Amino acid sequence: MNENIIKQFQEVFKPTFNGKPHKKDFIALNHDVGDVLFLINSLNIAEKEMNLTEIARELKITKAALSQKINKLSFQGLIQRYSKDNDRKNAYIKLTSKGKEIFDNWNRNLNLIIEKIVNEVGEEEVSKLVETVKKIRKVIMEIKEEITLC
């Protein structure tokens, strides 16, 4: 199966796939915290670091909103805060082993769902749908910009 279509599908339908608990210790991931975990996981894989300000900027949310999500993930034991050189102003975060396990399970389940959709609907149809959703999102963003300029 084309990996590109899976990634495109994930991107445009991210808010649709809110995680639901499948077993007792599985923590539900909604797209809010899922985005944060996805970014943290990507940074960990790439062995890059971003402080909280940079993460908020990347996710296009306020530091206060990010802080709420980080606190929730930290309370659940999915992420760990750390600082470099005892600099408390620049906090960094990384996935814990539990966070990595939860993220991997969530991502694996999401990929299974997408693969089933692509197999049932067909890769060409899914590609068309993804492109259409991208166009609609672009129009919506343009409208939002026009409204905020008024």
Protein backbone atom coordinates (compact mmCIF):
# COMPACT_ATOMS: atom_id res chain seq x y z
CA MET A 1 0.00 0.00 0.00
CA ASN A 2 1.20 3.50 -0.79
CA GLU A 3 2.61 5.00 2.44
CA ASN A 4 2.05 8.51 1.07
CA ILE A 5 -1.72 8.02 0.85
CA ILE A 6 -1.78 6.81 4.46
CA LYS A 7 0.07 9.91 5.65
CA GLN A 8 -2.14 12.23 3.59
CA PHE A 9 -5.27 10.54 4.90
CA GLN A 10 -4.04 10.85 8.49
CA GLU A 11 -3.33 14.54 8.01
CA VAL A 12 -6.69 15.57 6.58
CA PHE A 13 -8.81 13.35 8.81
CA LYS A 14 -6.86 13.74 12.07
CA PRO A 15 -9.78 15.28 14.00
CA THR A 16 -12.04 12.38 12.94
CA PHE A 17 -9.94 9.72 14.66
CA ASN A 18 -10.31 10.48 18.34
CA GLY A 19 -8.83 7.57 20.24
CA LYS A 20 -11.14 5.41 22.32
CA PRO A 21 -9.93 3.08 25.03
CA HIS A 22 -9.55 -0.49 23.78
CA LYS A 23 -8.20 -2.02 26.96
CA LYS A 24 -8.09 -1.15 30.62
CA ASP A 25 -4.78 0.69 30.64
CA PHE A 26 -5.15 2.39 27.24
CA ILE A 27 -5.47 6.16 27.49
CA ALA A 28 -7.76 7.85 24.98
CA LEU A 29 -6.02 10.26 22.65
CA ASN A 30 -8.12 12.99 21.17
CA HIS A 31 -6.68 15.01 18.31
CA ASP A 32 -5.68 17.79 20.73
CA VAL A 33 -3.20 15.75 22.72
CA GLY A 34 -2.62 13.41 19.80
CA ASP A 35 -1.07 16.31 17.88
CA VAL A 36 1.24 17.09 20.79
CA LEU A 37 2.27 13.44 21.17
CA PHE A 38 2.78 13.13 17.42
CA LEU A 39 5.07 16.17 17.36
CA ILE A 40 7.02 15.04 20.43
CA ASN A 41 7.42 11.55 18.95
CA SER A 42 8.62 13.03 15.63
CA LEU A 43 11.16 15.17 17.46
CA ASN A 44 12.37 12.17 19.47
CA ILE A 45 12.79 10.08 16.31
CA ALA A 46 14.69 12.88 14.59
CA GLU A 47 16.69 13.42 17.80
CA LYS A 48 15.71 17.09 17.76
CA GLU A 49 14.61 19.21 20.65
CA MET A 50 12.13 22.07 20.81
CA ASN A 51 11.24 24.07 23.86
CA LEU A 52 7.61 24.67 24.79
CA THR A 53 7.47 28.02 23.01
CA GLU A 54 8.67 26.45 19.77
CA ILE A 55 6.22 23.56 20.12
CA ALA A 56 3.31 25.98 20.69
CA ARG A 57 4.36 27.93 17.61
CA GLU A 58 4.62 24.74 15.53
CA LEU A 59 1.17 23.58 16.64
CA LYS A 60 -0.26 27.10 16.18
CA ILE A 61 -1.61 27.25 19.73
CA THR A 62 -0.91 29.51 22.67
CA LYS A 63 1.64 28.59 25.32
CA ALA A 64 -1.22 28.49 27.84
CA ALA A 65 -3.15 25.99 25.72
CA LEU A 66 -0.02 23.89 25.24
CA SER A 67 0.68 24.03 28.97
CA GLN A 68 -2.76 22.53 29.69
CA LYS A 69 -2.14 19.70 27.25
CA ILE A 70 1.38 19.12 28.60
CA ASN A 71 0.06 19.02 32.18
CA LYS A 72 -2.57 16.45 31.18
CA LEU A 73 -0.03 14.27 29.37
CA SER A 74 2.45 14.60 32.22
CA PHE A 75 -0.20 13.65 34.80
CA GLN A 76 -0.99 10.55 32.73
CA GLY A 77 2.71 9.64 32.69
CA LEU A 78 3.02 9.97 28.91
CA ILE A 79 5.62 12.73 28.79
CA GLN A 80 8.42 14.04 30.94
CA ARG A 81 9.60 17.63 31.27
CA TYR A 82 13.28 18.39 31.46
CA SER A 83 15.58 21.37 31.22
CA LYS A 84 19.10 21.87 30.01
CA ASP A 85 21.79 23.38 32.19
CA ASN A 86 19.23 23.98 34.98
CA ASP A 87 17.50 26.59 32.80
CA ARG A 88 13.90 26.34 34.07
CA LYS A 89 12.67 29.00 31.62
CA ASN A 90 13.31 26.73 28.63
CA ALA A 91 11.44 23.53 29.40
CA TYR A 92 11.64 20.63 26.99
CA ILE A 93 9.53 17.51 26.86
CA LYS A 94 10.01 13.93 25.75
CA LEU A 95 7.87 10.82 25.63
CA THR A 96 8.14 8.37 28.49
CA SER A 97 8.26 4.67 27.66
CA LYS A 98 4.53 4.54 28.50
CA GLY A 99 3.91 7.52 26.19
CA LYS A 100 5.83 5.85 23.37
CA GLU A 101 3.86 2.63 23.84
CA ILE A 102 0.51 4.45 23.85
CA PHE A 103 1.48 6.52 20.82
CA ASP A 104 2.69 3.45 18.90
CA ASN A 105 -0.56 1.58 19.65
CA TRP A 106 -2.67 4.59 18.67
CA ASN A 107 -0.70 5.06 15.45
CA ARG A 108 -0.85 1.33 14.60
CA ASN A 109 -4.64 1.27 15.08
CA LEU A 110 -5.04 4.42 13.00
CA ASN A 111 -3.02 2.87 10.18
CA LEU A 112 -5.18 -0.28 10.29
CA ILE A 113 -8.32 1.85 9.99
CA ILE A 114 -6.88 3.81 7.07
CA GLU A 115 -5.66 0.68 5.29
CA LYS A 116 -9.13 -0.87 5.59
CA ILE A 117 -10.73 2.30 4.20
CA VAL A 118 -8.26 2.42 1.29
CA ASN A 119 -8.81 -1.29 0.56
CA GLU A 120 -12.60 -0.91 0.63
CA VAL A 121 -12.89 2.42 -1.19
CA GLY A 122 -9.84 2.26 -3.41
CA GLU A 123 -6.62 4.25 -3.45
CA GLU A 124 -7.70 6.51 -6.31
CA GLU A 125 -10.96 7.49 -4.60
CA VAL A 126 -9.20 8.15 -1.30
CA SER A 127 -6.60 10.31 -3.11
CA LYS A 128 -9.39 12.34 -4.70
CA LEU A 129 -11.08 12.75 -1.34
CA VAL A 130 -7.85 13.87 0.32
CA GLU A 131 -7.24 16.45 -2.41
CA THR A 132 -10.82 17.73 -2.13
CA VAL A 133 -10.54 18.09 1.65
CA LYS A 134 -7.23 19.96 1.23
CA LYS A 135 -8.89 22.40 -1.18
CA ILE A 136 -11.81 22.93 1.20
CA ARG A 137 -9.42 23.57 4.11
CA LYS A 138 -7.51 26.10 2.00
CA VAL A 139 -10.73 27.97 1.20
CA ILE A 140 -11.74 27.93 4.87
CA MET A 141 -8.34 29.33 5.90
CA GLU A 142 -8.64 32.09 3.30
CA ILE A 143 -12.11 32.98 4.60
CA LYS A 144 -10.81 33.04 8.18
CA GLU A 145 -8.01 35.42 7.13
CA GLU A 146 -10.49 37.71 5.34
CA ILE A 147 -12.77 37.76 8.36
CA THR A 148 -9.94 38.62 10.76
CA LEU A 149 -8.75 41.41 8.47
CA CYS A 150 -12.13 43.15 8.64
